Amino acid sequence: MDAHANKWLKLIYDTLVDILAASGGGAAAGTYTDLSGTIAAGGTSQLLVAANADRQGLVIQNPSSAIESLFINFTADATVDTDSFELLPGEKWTSNSVEEVNIIAVTTGHVFIAKELLP
């Protein structure tokens, strides 16, 4: 297997491990909803996912192909500064938070990957 395929397999494995950890560490029972997309207006916070008491896990990734950071925040608008969590290209964030999540990037069309685990 070539290095590129190995990189993708490792990314998939790491993401699944993170989802399991965010959902309590056991076998994840539920349905993954794809929330992936692009930033609609660069420099403007956008809702990634509304608050949901049934959420079992959430994974957000700034793809390694990105050329800028992606910022996330809970319950309030995301900002491009120290008030939001910064994901550098290739970094991901996992959580079992049930709060609203907002995202922002500087450039319109910035791609992000996001999956929500629901029962």
PDB file of N, CA and C in Angstrom:
ATOM      1  N   MET A   1       0.844  -1.171   0.000  1.00  0.00           N
ATOM      2  CA  MET A   1       0.000   0.000   0.000  1.00  0.00           C
ATOM      3  C   MET A   1       0.894   1.240   0.000  1.00  0.00           C
ATOM      4  N   ASP A   2       0.538   2.257  -0.803  1.00  0.00           N
ATOM      5  CA  ASP A   2       1.382   3.449  -0.876  1.00  0.00           C
ATOM      6  C   ASP A   2       1.175   4.369   0.324  1.00  0.00           C
ATOM      7  N   ALA A   3       2.056   5.344   0.475  1.00  0.00           N
ATOM      8  CA  ALA A   3       2.040   6.250   1.633  1.00  0.00           C
ATOM      9  C   ALA A   3       0.746   7.048   1.694  1.00  0.00           C
ATOM     10  N   HIS A   4       0.215   7.442   0.540  1.00  0.00           N
ATOM     11  CA  HIS A   4      -1.027   8.220   0.510  1.00  0.00           C
ATOM     12  C   HIS A   4      -2.196   7.397   1.064  1.00  0.00           C
ATOM     13  N   ALA A   5      -2.296   6.138   0.651  1.00  0.00           N
ATOM     14  CA  ALA A   5      -3.369   5.269   1.148  1.00  0.00           C
ATOM     15  C   ALA A   5      -3.208   5.016   2.642  1.00  0.00           C
ATOM     16  N   ASN A   6      -1.969   4.811   3.087  1.00  0.00           N
ATOM     17  CA  ASN A   6      -1.726   4.612   4.522  1.00  0.00           C
ATOM     18  C   ASN A   6      -2.142   5.829   5.329  1.00  0.00           C
ATOM     19  N   LYS A   7      -1.875   7.027   4.801  1.00  0.00           N
ATOM     20  CA  LYS A   7      -2.258   8.262   5.489  1.00  0.00           C
ATOM     21  C   LYS A   7      -3.776   8.335   5.664  1.00  0.00           C
ATOM     22  N   TRP A   8      -4.527   8.011   4.616  1.00  0.00           N
ATOM     23  CA  TRP A   8      -5.986   8.064   4.684  1.00  0.00           C
ATOM     24  C   TRP A   8      -6.536   7.001   5.631  1.00  0.00           C
ATOM     25  N   LEU A   9      -5.954   5.804   5.608  1.00  0.00           N
ATOM     26  CA  LEU A   9      -6.408   4.756   6.527  1.00  0.00           C
ATOM     27  C   LEU A   9      -6.169   5.155   7.978  1.00  0.00           C
ATOM     28  N   LYS A  10      -5.024   5.768   8.264  1.00  0.00           N
ATOM     29  CA  LYS A  10      -4.731   6.227   9.615  1.00  0.00           C
ATOM     30  C   LYS A  10      -5.718   7.312  10.033  1.00  0.00           C
ATOM     31  N   LEU A  11      -6.025   8.240   9.123  1.00  0.00           N
ATOM     32  CA  LEU A  11      -6.982   9.306   9.426  1.00  0.00           C
ATOM     33  C   LEU A  11      -8.359   8.725   9.747  1.00  0.00           C
ATOM     34  N   ILE A  12      -8.804   7.772   8.959  1.00  0.00           N
ATOM     35  CA  ILE A  12     -10.103   7.134   9.195  1.00  0.00           C
ATOM     36  C   ILE A  12     -10.090   6.400  10.530  1.00  0.00           C
ATOM     37  N   TYR A  13      -9.047   5.653  10.799  1.00  0.00           N
ATOM     38  CA  TYR A  13      -8.930   4.931  12.068  1.00  0.00           C
ATOM     39  C   TYR A  13      -8.944   5.895  13.252  1.00  0.00           C
ATOM     40  N   ASP A  14      -8.121   6.956  13.187  1.00  0.00           N
ATOM     41  CA  ASP A  14      -8.061   7.928  14.281  1.00  0.00           C
ATOM     42  C   ASP A  14      -9.410   8.597  14.517  1.00  0.00           C
ATOM     43  N   THR A  15     -10.108   8.909  13.436  1.00  0.00           N
ATOM     44  CA  THR A  15     -11.421   9.544  13.557  1.00  0.00           C
ATOM     45  C   THR A  15     -12.418   8.603  14.227  1.00  0.00           C
ATOM     46  N   LEU A  16     -12.421   7.336  13.842  1.00  0.00           N
ATOM     47  CA  LEU A  16     -13.329   6.372  14.461  1.00  0.00           C
ATOM     48  C   LEU A  16     -13.006   6.181  15.942  1.00  0.00           C
ATOM     49  N   VAL A  17     -11.738   6.145  16.293  1.00  0.00           N
ATOM     50  CA  VAL A  17     -11.336   6.033  17.702  1.00  0.00           C
ATOM     51  C   VAL A  17     -11.841   7.247  18.479  1.00  0.00           C
ATOM     52  N   ASP A  18     -11.699   8.446  17.890  1.00  0.00           N
ATOM     53  CA  ASP A  18     -12.165   9.661  18.557  1.00  0.00           C
ATOM     54  C   ASP A  18     -13.678   9.662  18.739  1.00  0.00           C
ATOM     55  N   ILE A  19     -14.401   9.191  17.740  1.00  0.00           N
ATOM     56  CA  ILE A  19     -15.868   9.135  17.851  1.00  0.00           C
ATOM     57  C   ILE A  19     -16.266   8.175  18.958  1.00  0.00           C
ATOM     58  N   LEU A  20     -15.616   7.035  19.018  1.00  0.00           N
ATOM     59  CA  LEU A  20     -15.917   6.078  20.086  1.00  0.00           C
ATOM     60  C   LEU A  20     -15.612   6.675  21.455  1.00  0.00           C
ATOM     61  N   ALA A  21     -14.515   7.375  21.568  1.00  0.00           N
ATOM     62  CA  ALA A  21     -14.161   7.997  22.850  1.00  0.00           C
ATOM     63  C   ALA A  21     -15.184   9.059  23.229  1.00  0.00           C
ATOM     64  N   ALA A  22     -15.627   9.853  22.263  1.00  0.00           N
ATOM     65  CA  ALA A  22     -16.599  10.910  22.546  1.00  0.00           C
ATOM     66  C   ALA A  22     -17.950  10.343  22.932  1.00  0.00           C
ATOM     67  N   SER A  23     -18.250   9.128  22.489  1.00  0.00           N
ATOM     68  CA  SER A  23     -19.556   8.542  22.782  1.00  0.00           C
ATOM     69  C   SER A  23     -19.516   7.641  24.014  1.00  0.00           C
ATOM     70  N   GLY A  24     -18.441   7.704  24.778  1.00  0.00           N
ATOM     71  CA  GLY A  24     -18.374   6.936  26.011  1.00  0.00           C
ATOM     72  C   GLY A  24     -17.434   5.748  25.937  1.00  0.00           C
ATOM     73  N   GLY A  25     -16.776   5.552  24.820  1.00  0.00           N
ATOM     74  CA  GLY A  25     -15.766   4.523  24.717  1.00  0.00           C
ATOM     75  C   GLY A  25     -16.267   3.157  24.285  1.00  0.00           C
ATOM     76  N   GLY A  26     -17.543   2.932  24.303  1.00  0.00           N
ATOM     77  CA  GLY A  26     -18.076   1.644  23.891  1.00  0.00           C
ATOM     78  C   GLY A  26     -18.386   1.644  22.412  1.00  0.00           C
ATOM     79  N   ALA A  27     -19.006   0.569  21.988  1.00  0.00           N
ATOM     80  CA  ALA A  27     -19.411   0.489  20.595  1.00  0.00           C
ATOM     81  C   ALA A  27     -20.466   1.558  20.334  1.00  0.00           C
ATOM     82  N   ALA A  28     -20.219   2.363  19.341  1.00  0.00           N
ATOM     83  CA  ALA A  28     -21.138   3.445  19.015  1.00  0.00           C
ATOM     84  C   ALA A  28     -22.404   2.871  18.410  1.00  0.00           C
ATOM     85  N   ALA A  29     -23.528   3.167  19.038  1.00  0.00           N
ATOM     86  CA  ALA A  29     -24.823   2.734  18.525  1.00  0.00           C
ATOM     87  C   ALA A  29     -25.559   3.970  18.069  1.00  0.00           C
ATOM     88  N   GLY A  30     -25.807   4.069  16.812  1.00  0.00           N
ATOM     89  CA  GLY A  30     -26.504   5.234  16.304  1.00  0.00           C
ATOM     90  C   GLY A  30     -26.214   5.435  14.839  1.00  0.00           C
ATOM     91  N   THR A  31     -26.546   6.621  14.383  1.00  0.00           N
ATOM     92  CA  THR A  31     -26.396   6.974  12.981  1.00  0.00           C
ATOM     93  C   THR A  31     -25.516   8.207  12.867  1.00  0.00           C
ATOM     94  N   TYR A  32     -24.561   8.142  11.966  1.00  0.00           N
ATOM     95  CA  TYR A  32     -23.695   9.285  11.727  1.00  0.00           C
ATOM     96  C   TYR A  32     -24.328  10.177  10.666  1.00  0.00           C
ATOM     97  N   THR A  33     -24.472  11.445  10.991  1.00  0.00           N
ATOM     98  CA  THR A  33     -25.005  12.421  10.061  1.00  0.00           C
ATOM     99  C   THR A  33     -23.852  13.268   9.556  1.00  0.00           C
ATOM    100  N   ASP A  34     -23.730  13.372   8.252  1.00  0.00           N
ATOM    101  CA  ASP A  34     -22.650  14.155   7.654  1.00  0.00           C
ATOM    102  C   ASP A  34     -23.036  15.629   7.652  1.00  0.00           C
ATOM    103  N   LEU A  35     -22.253  16.437   8.348  1.00  0.00           N
ATOM    104  CA  LEU A  35     -22.465  17.879   8.409  1.00  0.00           C
ATOM    105  C   LEU A  35     -21.406  18.632   7.610  1.00  0.00           C
ATOM    106  N   SER A  36     -20.592  17.898   6.866  1.00  0.00           N
ATOM    107  CA  SER A  36     -19.487  18.505   6.118  1.00  0.00           C
ATOM    108  C   SER A  36     -20.002  19.513   5.110  1.00  0.00           C
ATOM    109  N   GLY A  37     -19.144  20.474   4.801  1.00  0.00           N
ATOM    110  CA  GLY A  37     -19.540  21.486   3.828  1.00  0.00           C
ATOM    111  C   GLY A  37     -18.452  22.514   3.632  1.00  0.00           C
ATOM    112  N   THR A  38     -18.879  23.735   3.315  1.00  0.00           N
ATOM    113  CA  THR A  38     -17.950  24.833   3.102  1.00  0.00           C
ATOM    114  C   THR A  38     -18.429  26.069   3.855  1.00  0.00           C
ATOM    115  N   ILE A  39     -17.514  26.967   4.098  1.00  0.00           N
ATOM    116  CA  ILE A  39     -17.850  28.239   4.727  1.00  0.00           C
ATOM    117  C   ILE A  39     -18.615  29.081   3.707  1.00  0.00           C
ATOM    118  N   ALA A  40     -19.798  29.535   4.086  1.00  0.00           N
ATOM    119  CA  ALA A  40     -20.673  30.269   3.168  1.00  0.00           C
ATOM    120  C   ALA A  40     -20.172  31.687   2.896  1.00  0.00           C
ATOM    121  N   ALA A  41     -19.659  32.341   3.915  1.00  0.00           N
ATOM    122  CA  ALA A  41     -19.154  33.712   3.769  1.00  0.00           C
ATOM    123  C   ALA A  41     -17.918  33.863   4.654  1.00  0.00           C
ATOM    124  N   GLY A  42     -16.770  33.981   4.033  1.00  0.00           N
ATOM    125  CA  GLY A  42     -15.533  34.098   4.779  1.00  0.00           C
ATOM    126  C   GLY A  42     -15.582  35.230   5.793  1.00  0.00           C
ATOM    127  N   GLY A  43     -15.057  34.961   6.996  1.00  0.00           N
ATOM    128  CA  GLY A  43     -15.035  35.964   8.042  1.00  0.00           C
ATOM    129  C   GLY A  43     -16.343  36.132   8.784  1.00  0.00           C
ATOM    130  N   THR A  44     -17.333  35.293   8.480  1.00  0.00           N
ATOM    131  CA  THR A  44     -18.641  35.367   9.132  1.00  0.00           C
ATOM    132  C   THR A  44     -18.952  34.039   9.799  1.00  0.00           C
ATOM    133  N   SER A  45     -19.284  34.086  11.085  1.00  0.00           N
ATOM    134  CA  SER A  45     -19.624  32.866  11.817  1.00  0.00           C
ATOM    135  C   SER A  45     -20.867  32.223  11.216  1.00  0.00           C
ATOM    136  N   GLN A  46     -20.853  30.896  11.163  1.00  0.00           N
ATOM    137  CA  GLN A  46     -22.038  30.175  10.695  1.00  0.00           C
ATOM    138  C   GLN A  46     -22.320  29.009  11.623  1.00  0.00           C
ATOM    139  N   LEU A  47     -23.598  28.703  11.755  1.00  0.00           N
ATOM    140  CA  LEU A  47     -24.037  27.580  12.584  1.00  0.00           C
ATOM    141  C   LEU A  47     -23.633  26.280  11.907  1.00  0.00           C
ATOM    142  N   LEU A  48     -22.887  25.453  12.623  1.00  0.00           N
ATOM    143  CA  LEU A  48     -22.571  24.112  12.123  1.00  0.00           C
ATOM    144  C   LEU A  48     -23.683  23.159  12.511  1.00  0.00           C
ATOM    145  N   VAL A  49     -24.064  23.184  13.791  1.00  0.00           N
ATOM    146  CA  VAL A  49     -25.094  22.275  14.273  1.00  0.00           C
ATOM    147  C   VAL A  49     -25.781  22.907  15.488  1.00  0.00           C
ATOM    148  N   ALA A  50     -27.093  22.789  15.518  1.00  0.00           N
ATOM    149  CA  ALA A  50     -27.878  23.319  16.640  1.00  0.00           C
ATOM    150  C   ALA A  50     -27.695  22.441  17.878  1.00  0.00           C
ATOM    151  N   ALA A  51     -28.005  22.984  19.025  1.00  0.00           N
ATOM    152  CA  ALA A  51     -27.987  22.208  20.260  1.00  0.00           C
ATOM    153  C   ALA A  51     -28.912  21.006  20.096  1.00  0.00           C
ATOM    154  N   ASN A  52     -28.490  19.862  20.665  1.00  0.00           N
ATOM    155  CA  ASN A  52     -29.290  18.652  20.534  1.00  0.00           C
ATOM    156  C   ASN A  52     -28.975  17.730  21.713  1.00  0.00           C
ATOM    157  N   ALA A  53     -29.931  17.593  22.619  1.00  0.00           N
ATOM    158  CA  ALA A  53     -29.736  16.774  23.815  1.00  0.00           C
ATOM    159  C   ALA A  53     -29.514  15.298  23.484  1.00  0.00           C
ATOM    160  N   ASP A  54     -29.878  14.865  22.283  1.00  0.00           N
ATOM    161  CA  ASP A  54     -29.710  13.468  21.886  1.00  0.00           C
ATOM    162  C   ASP A  54     -28.343  13.174  21.274  1.00  0.00           C
ATOM    163  N   ARG A  55     -27.544  14.203  21.028  1.00  0.00           N
ATOM    164  CA  ARG A  55     -26.240  13.999  20.380  1.00  0.00           C
ATOM    165  C   ARG A  55     -25.360  13.105  21.249  1.00  0.00           C
ATOM    166  N   GLN A  56     -24.728  12.118  20.617  1.00  0.00           N
ATOM    167  CA  GLN A  56     -23.821  11.206  21.314  1.00  0.00           C
ATOM    168  C   GLN A  56     -22.359  11.526  21.025  1.00  0.00           C
ATOM    169  N   GLY A  57     -22.099  12.237  19.977  1.00  0.00           N
ATOM    170  CA  GLY A  57     -20.728  12.575  19.631  1.00  0.00           C
ATOM    171  C   GLY A  57     -20.690  13.509  18.440  1.00  0.00           C
ATOM    172  N   LEU A  58     -19.568  14.223  18.323  1.00  0.00           N
ATOM    173  CA  LEU A  58     -19.382  15.172  17.232  1.00  0.00           C
ATOM    174  C   LEU A  58     -17.898  15.231  16.909  1.00  0.00           C
ATOM    175  N   VAL A  59     -17.571  15.171  15.615  1.00  0.00           N
ATOM    176  CA  VAL A  59     -16.195  15.282  15.153  1.00  0.00           C
ATOM    177  C   VAL A  59     -16.157  16.374  14.093  1.00  0.00           C
ATOM    178  N   ILE A  60     -15.199  17.292  14.248  1.00  0.00           N
ATOM    179  CA  ILE A  60     -14.992  18.354  13.261  1.00  0.00           C
ATOM    180  C   ILE A  60     -13.522  18.299  12.861  1.00  0.00           C
ATOM    181  N   GLN A  61     -13.257  18.364  11.554  1.00  0.00           N
ATOM    182  CA  GLN A  61     -11.875  18.370  11.085  1.00  0.00           C
ATOM    183  C   GLN A  61     -11.662  19.485  10.080  1.00  0.00           C
ATOM    184  N   ASN A  62     -10.512  20.119  10.213  1.00  0.00           N
ATOM    185  CA  ASN A  62     -10.019  21.042   9.201  1.00  0.00           C
ATOM    186  C   ASN A  62      -9.115  20.191   8.310  1.00  0.00           C
ATOM    187  N   PRO A  63      -9.496  19.939   7.063  1.00  0.00           N
ATOM    188  CA  PRO A  63      -8.729  19.012   6.226  1.00  0.00           C
ATOM    189  C   PRO A  63      -7.256  19.397   6.109  1.00  0.00           C
ATOM    190  N   SER A  64      -6.415  18.402   5.944  1.00  0.00           N
ATOM    191  CA  SER A  64      -4.981  18.656   5.807  1.00  0.00           C
ATOM    192  C   SER A  64      -4.676  19.467   4.554  1.00  0.00           C
ATOM    193  N   SER A  65      -5.581  19.467   3.597  1.00  0.00           N
ATOM    194  CA  SER A  65      -5.385  20.255   2.370  1.00  0.00           C
ATOM    195  C   SER A  65      -5.717  21.733   2.568  1.00  0.00           C
ATOM    196  N   ALA A  66      -6.281  22.090   3.710  1.00  0.00           N
ATOM    197  CA  ALA A  66      -6.645  23.493   3.981  1.00  0.00           C
ATOM    198  C   ALA A  66      -5.382  24.344   4.061  1.00  0.00           C
ATOM    199  N   ILE A  67      -5.523  25.613   3.703  1.00  0.00           N
ATOM    200  CA  ILE A  67      -4.383  26.528   3.764  1.00  0.00           C
ATOM    201  C   ILE A  67      -4.543  27.552   4.888  1.00  0.00           C
ATOM    202  N   GLU A  68      -5.590  27.389   5.696  1.00  0.00           N
ATOM    203  CA  GLU A  68      -5.834  28.307   6.810  1.00  0.00           C
ATOM    204  C   GLU A  68      -6.528  27.565   7.945  1.00  0.00           C
ATOM    205  N   SER A  69      -6.631  28.225   9.066  1.00  0.00           N
ATOM    206  CA  SER A  69      -7.274  27.641  10.244  1.00  0.00           C
ATOM    207  C   SER A  69      -8.789  27.687  10.126  1.00  0.00           C
ATOM    208  N   LEU A  70      -9.430  26.784  10.866  1.00  0.00           N
ATOM    209  CA  LEU A  70     -10.873  26.764  11.055  1.00  0.00           C
ATOM    210  C   LEU A  70     -11.086  26.978  12.547  1.00  0.00           C
ATOM    211  N   PHE A  71     -12.015  27.845  12.913  1.00  0.00           N
ATOM    212  CA  PHE A  71     -12.273  28.155  14.322  1.00  0.00           C
ATOM    213  C   PHE A  71     -13.667  27.668  14.702  1.00  0.00           C
ATOM    214  N   ILE A  72     -13.804  27.146  15.940  1.00  0.00           N
ATOM    215  CA  ILE A  72     -15.092  26.661  16.419  1.00  0.00           C
ATOM    216  C   ILE A  72     -15.399  27.284  17.776  1.00  0.00           C
ATOM    217  N   ASN A  73     -16.689  27.433  18.056  1.00  0.00           N
ATOM    218  CA  ASN A  73     -17.131  27.971  19.344  1.00  0.00           C
ATOM    219  C   ASN A  73     -18.479  27.353  19.695  1.00  0.00           C
ATOM    220  N   PHE A  74     -18.761  27.333  20.986  1.00  0.00           N
ATOM    221  CA  PHE A  74     -20.008  26.765  21.503  1.00  0.00           C
ATOM    222  C   PHE A  74     -20.964  27.874  21.899  1.00  0.00           C
ATOM    223  N   THR A  75     -22.216  27.720  21.557  1.00  0.00           N
ATOM    224  CA  THR A  75     -23.335  28.571  21.971  1.00  0.00           C
ATOM    225  C   THR A  75     -23.231  30.035  21.568  1.00  0.00           C
ATOM    226  N   ALA A  76     -22.117  30.473  21.032  1.00  0.00           N
ATOM    227  CA  ALA A  76     -21.954  31.860  20.579  1.00  0.00           C
ATOM    228  C   ALA A  76     -21.225  31.844  19.242  1.00  0.00           C
ATOM    229  N   ASP A  77     -21.274  32.977  18.542  1.00  0.00           N
ATOM    230  CA  ASP A  77     -20.586  33.060  17.257  1.00  0.00           C
ATOM    231  C   ASP A  77     -19.112  32.718  17.399  1.00  0.00           C
ATOM    232  N   ALA A  78     -18.581  32.020  16.408  1.00  0.00           N
ATOM    233  CA  ALA A  78     -17.145  31.751  16.344  1.00  0.00           C
ATOM    234  C   ALA A  78     -16.450  33.003  15.826  1.00  0.00           C
ATOM    235  N   THR A  79     -15.237  33.225  16.306  1.00  0.00           N
ATOM    236  CA  THR A  79     -14.449  34.370  15.870  1.00  0.00           C
ATOM    237  C   THR A  79     -13.038  33.910  15.512  1.00  0.00           C
ATOM    238  N   VAL A  80     -12.378  34.711  14.690  1.00  0.00           N
ATOM    239  CA  VAL A  80     -11.015  34.382  14.261  1.00  0.00           C
ATOM    240  C   VAL A  80     -10.040  35.036  15.248  1.00  0.00           C
ATOM    241  N   ASP A  81     -10.073  34.550  16.474  1.00  0.00           N
ATOM    242  CA  ASP A  81      -9.166  35.064  17.503  1.00  0.00           C
ATOM    243  C   ASP A  81      -9.123  34.082  18.668  1.00  0.00           C
ATOM    244  N   THR A  82      -8.681  34.533  19.806  1.00  0.00           N
ATOM    245  CA  THR A  82      -8.498  33.642  20.950  1.00  0.00           C
ATOM    246  C   THR A  82      -9.796  33.278  21.662  1.00  0.00           C
ATOM    247  N   ASP A  83     -10.941  33.817  21.227  1.00  0.00           N
ATOM    248  CA  ASP A  83     -12.213  33.473  21.866  1.00  0.00           C
ATOM    249  C   ASP A  83     -12.810  32.175  21.341  1.00  0.00           C
ATOM    250  N   SER A  84     -12.225  31.619  20.302  1.00  0.00           N
ATOM    251  CA  SER A  84     -12.702  30.376  19.703  1.00  0.00           C
ATOM    252  C   SER A  84     -11.553  29.375  19.644  1.00  0.00           C
ATOM    253  N   PHE A  85     -11.889  28.093  19.536  1.00  0.00           N
ATOM    254  CA  PHE A  85     -10.872  27.060  19.391  1.00  0.00           C
ATOM    255  C   PHE A  85     -10.382  27.054  17.950  1.00  0.00           C
ATOM    256  N   GLU A  86      -9.068  27.020  17.768  1.00  0.00           N
ATOM    257  CA  GLU A  86      -8.461  27.033  16.443  1.00  0.00           C
ATOM    258  C   GLU A  86      -8.045  25.629  16.034  1.00  0.00           C
ATOM    259  N   LEU A  87      -8.477  25.218  14.851  1.00  0.00           N
ATOM    260  CA  LEU A  87      -8.030  23.958  14.258  1.00  0.00           C
ATOM    261  C   LEU A  87      -7.119  24.298  13.087  1.00  0.00           C
ATOM    262  N   LEU A  88      -5.858  23.960  13.216  1.00  0.00           N
ATOM    263  CA  LEU A  88      -4.912  24.146  12.126  1.00  0.00           C
ATOM    264  C   LEU A  88      -5.192  23.108  11.041  1.00  0.00           C
ATOM    265  N   PRO A  89      -4.699  23.296   9.826  1.00  0.00           N
ATOM    266  CA  PRO A  89      -4.913  22.297   8.783  1.00  0.00           C
ATOM    267  C   PRO A  89      -4.505  20.895   9.260  1.00  0.00           C
ATOM    268  N   GLY A  90      -5.409  19.944   9.072  1.00  0.00           N
ATOM    269  CA  GLY A  90      -5.169  18.554   9.455  1.00  0.00           C
ATOM    270  C   GLY A  90      -5.620  18.214  10.865  1.00  0.00           C
ATOM    271  N   GLU A  91      -5.964  19.200  11.674  1.00  0.00           N
ATOM    272  CA  GLU A  91      -6.391  18.923  13.048  1.00  0.00           C
ATOM    273  C   GLU A  91      -7.882  18.641  13.114  1.00  0.00           C
ATOM    274  N   LYS A  92      -8.262  17.860  14.145  1.00  0.00           N
ATOM    275  CA  LYS A  92      -9.674  17.553  14.354  1.00  0.00           C
ATOM    276  C   LYS A  92     -10.013  17.729  15.819  1.00  0.00           C
ATOM    277  N   TRP A  93     -11.285  17.872  16.076  1.00  0.00           N
ATOM    278  CA  TRP A  93     -11.813  18.079  17.418  1.00  0.00           C
ATOM    279  C   TRP A  93     -12.976  17.109  17.597  1.00  0.00           C
ATOM    280  N   THR A  94     -13.013  16.438  18.734  1.00  0.00           N
ATOM    281  CA  THR A  94     -14.121  15.535  19.039  1.00  0.00           C
ATOM    282  C   THR A  94     -14.729  15.922  20.364  1.00  0.00           C
ATOM    283  N   SER A  95     -16.027  15.660  20.491  1.00  0.00           N
ATOM    284  CA  SER A  95     -16.719  16.025  21.722  1.00  0.00           C
ATOM    285  C   SER A  95     -18.024  15.247  21.819  1.00  0.00           C
ATOM    286  N   ASN A  96     -18.526  15.174  23.030  1.00  0.00           N
ATOM    287  CA  ASN A  96     -19.881  14.666  23.231  1.00  0.00           C
ATOM    288  C   ASN A  96     -20.782  15.789  23.725  1.00  0.00           C
ATOM    289  N   SER A  97     -20.372  17.034  23.502  1.00  0.00           N
ATOM    290  CA  SER A  97     -21.168  18.204  23.872  1.00  0.00           C
ATOM    291  C   SER A  97     -22.502  18.196  23.130  1.00  0.00           C
ATOM    292  N   VAL A  98     -23.528  18.652  23.793  1.00  0.00           N
ATOM    293  CA  VAL A  98     -24.851  18.744  23.173  1.00  0.00           C
ATOM    294  C   VAL A  98     -25.186  20.193  22.813  1.00  0.00           C
ATOM    295  N   GLU A  99     -24.219  21.104  22.997  1.00  0.00           N
ATOM    296  CA  GLU A  99     -24.437  22.521  22.741  1.00  0.00           C
ATOM    297  C   GLU A  99     -24.412  22.853  21.247  1.00  0.00           C
ATOM    298  N   GLU A 100     -24.925  24.033  20.918  1.00  0.00           N
ATOM    299  CA  GLU A 100     -24.799  24.586  19.577  1.00  0.00           C
ATOM    300  C   GLU A 100     -23.319  24.780  19.258  1.00  0.00           C
ATOM    301  N   VAL A 101     -22.949  24.530  18.001  1.00  0.00           N
ATOM    302  CA  VAL A 101     -21.563  24.717  17.582  1.00  0.00           C
ATOM    303  C   VAL A 101     -21.548  25.619  16.344  1.00  0.00           C
ATOM    304  N   ASN A 102     -20.692  26.648  16.403  1.00  0.00           N
ATOM    305  CA  ASN A 102     -20.524  27.594  15.305  1.00  0.00           C
ATOM    306  C   ASN A 102     -19.092  27.520  14.795  1.00  0.00           C
ATOM    307  N   ILE A 103     -18.918  27.798  13.507  1.00  0.00           N
ATOM    308  CA  ILE A 103     -17.592  27.742  12.886  1.00  0.00           C
ATOM    309  C   ILE A 103     -17.349  28.990  12.050  1.00  0.00           C
ATOM    310  N   ILE A 104     -16.065  29.244  11.796  1.00  0.00           N
ATOM    311  CA  ILE A 104     -15.676  30.370  10.942  1.00  0.00           C
ATOM    312  C   ILE A 104     -14.298  30.087  10.344  1.00  0.00           C
ATOM    313  N   ALA A 105     -14.093  30.583   9.152  1.00  0.00           N
ATOM    314  CA  ALA A 105     -12.779  30.618   8.506  1.00  0.00           C
ATOM    315  C   ALA A 105     -12.723  31.919   7.723  1.00  0.00           C
ATOM    316  N   VAL A 106     -11.533  32.340   7.372  1.00  0.00           N
ATOM    317  CA  VAL A 106     -11.365  33.633   6.696  1.00  0.00           C
ATOM    318  C   VAL A 106     -11.905  33.606   5.267  1.00  0.00           C
ATOM    319  N   THR A 107     -11.757  32.471   4.595  1.00  0.00           N
ATOM    320  CA  THR A 107     -12.049  32.390   3.167  1.00  0.00           C
ATOM    321  C   THR A 107     -13.394  31.725   2.876  1.00  0.00           C
ATOM    322  N   THR A 108     -14.192  32.355   2.029  1.00  0.00           N
ATOM    323  CA  THR A 108     -15.417  31.749   1.520  1.00  0.00           C
ATOM    324  C   THR A 108     -15.055  30.463   0.773  1.00  0.00           C
ATOM    325  N   GLY A 109     -15.810  29.404   0.998  1.00  0.00           N
ATOM    326  CA  GLY A 109     -15.565  28.137   0.323  1.00  0.00           C
ATOM    327  C   GLY A 109     -14.613  27.212   1.060  1.00  0.00           C
ATOM    328  N   HIS A 110     -14.106  27.657   2.213  1.00  0.00           N
ATOM    329  CA  HIS A 110     -13.213  26.804   3.015  1.00  0.00           C
ATOM    330  C   HIS A 110     -13.945  25.508   3.359  1.00  0.00           C
ATOM    331  N   VAL A 111     -13.355  24.378   3.024  1.00  0.00           N
ATOM    332  CA  VAL A 111     -13.973  23.063   3.254  1.00  0.00           C
ATOM    333  C   VAL A 111     -13.737  22.634   4.691  1.00  0.00           C
ATOM    334  N   PHE A 112     -14.762  22.027   5.302  1.00  0.00           N
ATOM    335  CA  PHE A 112     -14.623  21.418   6.622  1.00  0.00           C
ATOM    336  C   PHE A 112     -15.312  20.061   6.586  1.00  0.00           C
ATOM    337  N   ILE A 113     -14.887  19.191   7.496  1.00  0.00           N
ATOM    338  CA  ILE A 113     -15.486  17.863   7.632  1.00  0.00           C
ATOM    339  C   ILE A 113     -16.111  17.785   9.013  1.00  0.00           C
ATOM    340  N   ALA A 114     -17.345  17.321   9.093  1.00  0.00           N
ATOM    341  CA  ALA A 114     -18.019  17.209  10.378  1.00  0.00           C
ATOM    342  C   ALA A 114     -18.998  16.048  10.341  1.00  0.00           C
ATOM    343  N   LYS A 115     -19.036  15.295  11.441  1.00  0.00           N
ATOM    344  CA  LYS A 115     -19.956  14.171  11.588  1.00  0.00           C
ATOM    345  C   LYS A 115     -20.588  14.248  12.971  1.00  0.00           C
ATOM    346  N   GLU A 116     -21.893  14.031  13.019  1.00  0.00           N
ATOM    347  CA  GLU A 116     -22.625  14.020  14.285  1.00  0.00           C
ATOM    348  C   GLU A 116     -23.186  12.624  14.505  1.00  0.00           C
ATOM    349  N   LEU A 117     -23.010  12.098  15.713  1.00  0.00           N
ATOM    350  CA  LEU A 117     -23.536  10.783  16.055  1.00  0.00           C
ATOM    351  C   LEU A 117     -24.830  10.959  16.836  1.00  0.00           C
ATOM    352  N   LEU A 118     -25.905  10.379  16.301  1.00  0.00           N
ATOM    353  CA  LEU A 118     -27.218  10.438  16.933  1.00  0.00           C
ATOM    354  C   LEU A 118     -27.744   9.023  17.155  1.00  0.00           C
ATOM    355  N   PRO A 119     -28.612   8.867  18.157  1.00  0.00           N
ATOM    356  CA  PRO A 119     -29.150   7.509  18.421  1.00  0.00           C
ATOM    357  C   PRO A 119     -29.949   6.971  17.244  1.00  0.00           C
TER     358      PRO A 119
END
